[in-house]
Amino acid sequence: MVVQLLSQFLFKGKRWSVVVAALILTGSAYAVSMAGHYGAQLVHIEGVGPQGKFLEEHHH
């Protein structure tokens, strides 16, 4: 979002700044979707979750 704001106001919408902002936003969307995918895999396939199954316990 910061890159898009810089592109819009600082660089006045120059084509190269719009392309850079689009690439960064696309990379961010990919990273978020992959994190969600792996999180869902851990919970639903591997069984790791809020029940505490497979979590390390430290006894003090």
PDB file of N, CA and C in Angstrom:
ATOM      1  N   MET A   1       0.826  -1.182   0.000  1.00  0.00           N
ATOM      2  CA  MET A   1       0.000   0.000   0.000  1.00  0.00           C
ATOM      3  C   MET A   1       0.878   1.257   0.000  1.00  0.00           C
ATOM      4  N   VAL A   2       1.952   1.218   0.759  1.00  0.00           N
ATOM      5  CA  VAL A   2       2.861   2.359   0.798  1.00  0.00           C
ATOM      6  C   VAL A   2       3.468   2.608  -0.577  1.00  0.00           C
ATOM      7  N   VAL A   3       3.837   1.521  -1.259  1.00  0.00           N
ATOM      8  CA  VAL A   3       4.422   1.662  -2.594  1.00  0.00           C
ATOM      9  C   VAL A   3       3.407   2.257  -3.562  1.00  0.00           C
ATOM     10  N   GLN A   4       2.160   1.855  -3.445  1.00  0.00           N
ATOM     11  CA  GLN A   4       1.117   2.408  -4.317  1.00  0.00           C
ATOM     12  C   GLN A   4       0.904   3.886  -4.025  1.00  0.00           C
ATOM     13  N   LEU A   5       0.925   4.270  -2.753  1.00  0.00           N
ATOM     14  CA  LEU A   5       0.771   5.685  -2.410  1.00  0.00           C
ATOM     15  C   LEU A   5       1.956   6.505  -2.933  1.00  0.00           C
ATOM     16  N   LEU A   6       3.164   5.957  -2.787  1.00  0.00           N
ATOM     17  CA  LEU A   6       4.333   6.648  -3.337  1.00  0.00           C
ATOM     18  C   LEU A   6       4.217   6.786  -4.850  1.00  0.00           C
ATOM     19  N   SER A   7       3.772   5.738  -5.495  1.00  0.00           N
ATOM     20  CA  SER A   7       3.603   5.777  -6.949  1.00  0.00           C
ATOM     21  C   SER A   7       2.590   6.837  -7.356  1.00  0.00           C
ATOM     22  N   GLN A   8       1.523   6.932  -6.585  1.00  0.00           N
ATOM     23  CA  GLN A   8       0.442   7.845  -6.942  1.00  0.00           C
ATOM     24  C   GLN A   8       0.815   9.304  -6.698  1.00  0.00           C
ATOM     25  N   PHE A   9       1.418   9.589  -5.536  1.00  0.00           N
ATOM     26  CA  PHE A   9       1.623  10.980  -5.158  1.00  0.00           C
ATOM     27  C   PHE A   9       3.047  11.488  -5.399  1.00  0.00           C
ATOM     28  N   LEU A  10       4.050  10.674  -5.134  1.00  0.00           N
ATOM     29  CA  LEU A  10       5.425  11.136  -5.284  1.00  0.00           C
ATOM     30  C   LEU A  10       5.891  11.077  -6.733  1.00  0.00           C
ATOM     31  N   PHE A  11       5.590   9.955  -7.401  1.00  0.00           N
ATOM     32  CA  PHE A  11       6.037   9.787  -8.784  1.00  0.00           C
ATOM     33  C   PHE A  11       4.966  10.151  -9.801  1.00  0.00           C
ATOM     34  N   LYS A  12       3.821  10.635  -9.327  1.00  0.00           N
ATOM     35  CA  LYS A  12       2.728  11.121 -10.186  1.00  0.00           C
ATOM     36  C   LYS A  12       2.252  10.089 -11.205  1.00  0.00           C
ATOM     37  N   GLY A  13       2.225   8.811 -10.799  1.00  0.00           N
ATOM     38  CA  GLY A  13       1.670   7.768 -11.650  1.00  0.00           C
ATOM     39  C   GLY A  13       2.507   7.422 -12.862  1.00  0.00           C
ATOM     40  N   LYS A  14       3.813   7.598 -12.790  1.00  0.00           N
ATOM     41  CA  LYS A  14       4.667   7.199 -13.913  1.00  0.00           C
ATOM     42  C   LYS A  14       4.536   5.696 -14.130  1.00  0.00           C
ATOM     43  N   ARG A  15       4.640   5.281 -15.374  1.00  0.00           N
ATOM     44  CA  ARG A  15       4.381   3.894 -15.738  1.00  0.00           C
ATOM     45  C   ARG A  15       5.278   2.916 -14.972  1.00  0.00           C
ATOM     46  N   TRP A  16       6.564   3.224 -14.822  1.00  0.00           N
ATOM     47  CA  TRP A  16       7.469   2.294 -14.145  1.00  0.00           C
ATOM     48  C   TRP A  16       7.123   2.155 -12.669  1.00  0.00           C
ATOM     49  N   SER A  17       6.668   3.250 -12.038  1.00  0.00           N
ATOM     50  CA  SER A  17       6.319   3.153 -10.619  1.00  0.00           C
ATOM     51  C   SER A  17       5.031   2.355 -10.417  1.00  0.00           C
ATOM     52  N   VAL A  18       4.119   2.454 -11.363  1.00  0.00           N
ATOM     53  CA  VAL A  18       2.879   1.669 -11.289  1.00  0.00           C
ATOM     54  C   VAL A  18       3.195   0.178 -11.454  1.00  0.00           C
ATOM     55  N   VAL A  19       4.118  -0.140 -12.359  1.00  0.00           N
ATOM     56  CA  VAL A  19       4.515  -1.538 -12.574  1.00  0.00           C
ATOM     57  C   VAL A  19       5.196  -2.104 -11.335  1.00  0.00           C
ATOM     58  N   VAL A  20       6.091  -1.331 -10.724  1.00  0.00           N
ATOM     59  CA  VAL A  20       6.770  -1.786  -9.500  1.00  0.00           C
ATOM     60  C   VAL A  20       5.755  -2.014  -8.388  1.00  0.00           C
ATOM     61  N   ALA A  21       4.816  -1.097  -8.221  1.00  0.00           N
ATOM     62  CA  ALA A  21       3.787  -1.256  -7.194  1.00  0.00           C
ATOM     63  C   ALA A  21       2.938  -2.495  -7.456  1.00  0.00           C
ATOM     64  N   ALA A  22       2.592  -2.752  -8.697  1.00  0.00           N
ATOM     65  CA  ALA A  22       1.790  -3.926  -9.035  1.00  0.00           C
ATOM     66  C   ALA A  22       2.552  -5.214  -8.757  1.00  0.00           C
ATOM     67  N   LEU A  23       3.847  -5.229  -9.064  1.00  0.00           N
ATOM     68  CA  LEU A  23       4.656  -6.423  -8.787  1.00  0.00           C
ATOM     69  C   LEU A  23       4.765  -6.689  -7.288  1.00  0.00           C
ATOM     70  N   ILE A  24       4.966  -5.643  -6.510  1.00  0.00           N
ATOM     71  CA  ILE A  24       5.061  -5.818  -5.049  1.00  0.00           C
ATOM     72  C   ILE A  24       3.731  -6.275  -4.479  1.00  0.00           C
ATOM     73  N   LEU A  25       2.631  -5.710  -4.941  1.00  0.00           N
ATOM     74  CA  LEU A  25       1.312  -6.129  -4.455  1.00  0.00           C
ATOM     75  C   LEU A  25       0.994  -7.567  -4.861  1.00  0.00           C
ATOM     76  N   THR A  26       1.399  -7.975  -6.051  1.00  0.00           N
ATOM     77  CA  THR A  26       1.200  -9.354  -6.493  1.00  0.00           C
ATOM     78  C   THR A  26       2.013 -10.321  -5.642  1.00  0.00           C
ATOM     79  N   GLY A  27       3.262  -9.966  -5.357  1.00  0.00           N
ATOM     80  CA  GLY A  27       4.093 -10.800  -4.485  1.00  0.00           C
ATOM     81  C   GLY A  27       3.525 -10.913  -3.079  1.00  0.00           C
ATOM     82  N   SER A  28       2.982  -9.825  -2.574  1.00  0.00           N
ATOM     83  CA  SER A  28       2.363  -9.845  -1.243  1.00  0.00           C
ATOM     84  C   SER A  28       1.133 -10.743  -1.218  1.00  0.00           C
ATOM     85  N   ALA A  29       0.316 -10.662  -2.240  1.00  0.00           N
ATOM     86  CA  ALA A  29      -0.877 -11.513  -2.313  1.00  0.00           C
ATOM     87  C   ALA A  29      -0.492 -12.985  -2.386  1.00  0.00           C
ATOM     88  N   TYR A  30       0.553 -13.296  -3.137  1.00  0.00           N
ATOM     89  CA  TYR A  30       1.025 -14.676  -3.225  1.00  0.00           C
ATOM     90  C   TYR A  30       1.526 -15.167  -1.871  1.00  0.00           C
ATOM     91  N   ALA A  31       2.291 -14.349  -1.168  1.00  0.00           N
ATOM     92  CA  ALA A  31       2.821 -14.745   0.134  1.00  0.00           C
ATOM     93  C   ALA A  31       1.703 -15.000   1.145  1.00  0.00           C
ATOM     94  N   VAL A  32       0.686 -14.149   1.152  1.00  0.00           N
ATOM     95  CA  VAL A  32      -0.434 -14.334   2.071  1.00  0.00           C
ATOM     96  C   VAL A  32      -1.222 -15.597   1.724  1.00  0.00           C
ATOM     97  N   SER A  33      -1.445 -15.842   0.446  1.00  0.00           N
ATOM     98  CA  SER A  33      -2.205 -17.030   0.062  1.00  0.00           C
ATOM     99  C   SER A  33      -1.443 -18.312   0.387  1.00  0.00           C
ATOM    100  N   MET A  34      -0.128 -18.320   0.213  1.00  0.00           N
ATOM    101  CA  MET A  34       0.662 -19.509   0.547  1.00  0.00           C
ATOM    102  C   MET A  34       0.704 -19.732   2.055  1.00  0.00           C
ATOM    103  N   ALA A  35       0.778 -18.666   2.842  1.00  0.00           N
ATOM    104  CA  ALA A  35       0.744 -18.803   4.299  1.00  0.00           C
ATOM    105  C   ALA A  35      -0.591 -19.401   4.745  1.00  0.00           C
ATOM    106  N   GLY A  36      -1.676 -18.952   4.133  1.00  0.00           N
ATOM    107  CA  GLY A  36      -2.985 -19.523   4.453  1.00  0.00           C
ATOM    108  C   GLY A  36      -3.080 -20.981   4.047  1.00  0.00           C
ATOM    109  N   HIS A  37      -2.518 -21.309   2.902  1.00  0.00           N
ATOM    110  CA  HIS A  37      -2.541 -22.692   2.424  1.00  0.00           C
ATOM    111  C   HIS A  37      -1.779 -23.609   3.380  1.00  0.00           C
ATOM    112  N   TYR A  38      -0.561 -23.197   3.765  1.00  0.00           N
ATOM    113  CA  TYR A  38       0.234 -24.034   4.665  1.00  0.00           C
ATOM    114  C   TYR A  38      -0.375 -24.097   6.062  1.00  0.00           C
ATOM    115  N   GLY A  39      -0.974 -23.012   6.511  1.00  0.00           N
ATOM    116  CA  GLY A  39      -1.653 -23.033   7.808  1.00  0.00           C
ATOM    117  C   GLY A  39      -2.833 -23.987   7.804  1.00  0.00           C
ATOM    118  N   ALA A  40      -3.609 -23.971   6.731  1.00  0.00           N
ATOM    119  CA  ALA A  40      -4.744 -24.883   6.621  1.00  0.00           C
ATOM    120  C   ALA A  40      -4.270 -26.326   6.546  1.00  0.00           C
ATOM    121  N   GLN A  41      -3.163 -26.561   5.858  1.00  0.00           N
ATOM    122  CA  GLN A  41      -2.614 -27.912   5.773  1.00  0.00           C
ATOM    123  C   GLN A  41      -2.178 -28.403   7.150  1.00  0.00           C
ATOM    124  N   LEU A  42      -1.541 -27.555   7.938  1.00  0.00           N
ATOM    125  CA  LEU A  42      -1.129 -27.950   9.277  1.00  0.00           C
ATOM    126  C   LEU A  42      -2.322 -28.300  10.147  1.00  0.00           C
ATOM    127  N   VAL A  43      -3.377 -27.503  10.060  1.00  0.00           N
ATOM    128  CA  VAL A  43      -4.538 -27.731  10.918  1.00  0.00           C
ATOM    129  C   VAL A  43      -5.362 -28.920  10.456  1.00  0.00           C
ATOM    130  N   HIS A  44      -5.695 -28.988   9.184  1.00  0.00           N
ATOM    131  CA  HIS A  44      -6.657 -29.969   8.710  1.00  0.00           C
ATOM    132  C   HIS A  44      -6.047 -31.296   8.276  1.00  0.00           C
ATOM    133  N   ILE A  45      -4.806 -31.290   7.834  1.00  0.00           N
ATOM    134  CA  ILE A  45      -4.194 -32.535   7.363  1.00  0.00           C
ATOM    135  C   ILE A  45      -3.253 -33.108   8.416  1.00  0.00           C
ATOM    136  N   GLU A  46      -2.392 -32.263   8.979  1.00  0.00           N
ATOM    137  CA  GLU A  46      -1.399 -32.741   9.939  1.00  0.00           C
ATOM    138  C   GLU A  46      -1.952 -32.825  11.356  1.00  0.00           C
ATOM    139  N   GLY A  47      -3.030 -32.136  11.647  1.00  0.00           N
ATOM    140  CA  GLY A  47      -3.649 -32.220  12.964  1.00  0.00           C
ATOM    141  C   GLY A  47      -3.033 -31.315  14.013  1.00  0.00           C
ATOM    142  N   VAL A  48      -2.194 -30.393  13.628  1.00  0.00           N
ATOM    143  CA  VAL A  48      -1.618 -29.452  14.581  1.00  0.00           C
ATOM    144  C   VAL A  48      -2.601 -28.306  14.735  1.00  0.00           C
ATOM    145  N   GLY A  49      -2.883 -27.931  15.963  1.00  0.00           N
ATOM    146  CA  GLY A  49      -3.833 -26.847  16.125  1.00  0.00           C
ATOM    147  C   GLY A  49      -4.018 -26.431  17.556  1.00  0.00           C
ATOM    148  N   PRO A  50      -5.126 -25.784  17.829  1.00  0.00           N
ATOM    149  CA  PRO A  50      -5.365 -25.235  19.157  1.00  0.00           C
ATOM    150  C   PRO A  50      -5.576 -26.304  20.228  1.00  0.00           C
ATOM    151  N   GLN A  51      -5.787 -27.548  19.847  1.00  0.00           N
ATOM    152  CA  GLN A  51      -5.949 -28.604  20.837  1.00  0.00           C
ATOM    153  C   GLN A  51      -4.622 -28.932  21.516  1.00  0.00           C
ATOM    154  N   GLY A  52      -3.507 -28.482  20.967  1.00  0.00           N
ATOM    155  CA  GLY A  52      -2.207 -28.725  21.560  1.00  0.00           C
ATOM    156  C   GLY A  52      -1.556 -30.003  21.099  1.00  0.00           C
ATOM    157  N   LYS A  53      -2.148 -30.694  20.164  1.00  0.00           N
ATOM    158  CA  LYS A  53      -1.604 -31.929  19.665  1.00  0.00           C
ATOM    159  C   LYS A  53      -0.293 -31.648  18.906  1.00  0.00           C
ATOM    160  N   PHE A  54       0.734 -32.394  19.174  1.00  0.00           N
ATOM    161  CA  PHE A  54       2.051 -32.297  18.548  1.00  0.00           C
ATOM    162  C   PHE A  54       2.832 -31.040  18.930  1.00  0.00           C
ATOM    163  N   LEU A  55       2.401 -30.314  19.954  1.00  0.00           N
ATOM    164  CA  LEU A  55       3.148 -29.145  20.389  1.00  0.00           C
ATOM    165  C   LEU A  55       4.106 -29.553  21.495  1.00  0.00           C
ATOM    166  N   GLU A  56       5.283 -28.919  21.519  1.00  0.00           N
ATOM    167  CA  GLU A  56       6.262 -29.209  22.556  1.00  0.00           C
ATOM    168  C   GLU A  56       5.798 -28.604  23.870  1.00  0.00           C
ATOM    169  N   GLU A  57       5.991 -29.351  24.950  1.00  0.00           N
ATOM    170  CA  GLU A  57       5.644 -28.831  26.263  1.00  0.00           C
ATOM    171  C   GLU A  57       6.898 -28.724  27.100  1.00  0.00           C
ATOM    172  N   HIS A  58       7.048 -27.588  27.763  1.00  0.00           N
ATOM    173  CA  HIS A  58       8.184 -27.368  28.634  1.00  0.00           C
ATOM    174  C   HIS A  58       7.687 -27.365  30.072  1.00  0.00           C
ATOM    175  N   HIS A  59       8.194 -28.272  30.854  1.00  0.00           N
ATOM    176  CA  HIS A  59       7.783 -28.342  32.268  1.00  0.00           C
ATOM    177  C   HIS A  59       8.838 -27.647  33.108  1.00  0.00           C
ATOM    178  N   HIS A  60       8.414 -26.634  33.844  1.00  0.00           N
ATOM    179  CA  HIS A  60       9.360 -25.895  34.694  1.00  0.00           C
ATOM    180  C   HIS A  60       9.100 -26.223  36.125  1.00  0.00           C
TER     181      HIS A  60
END
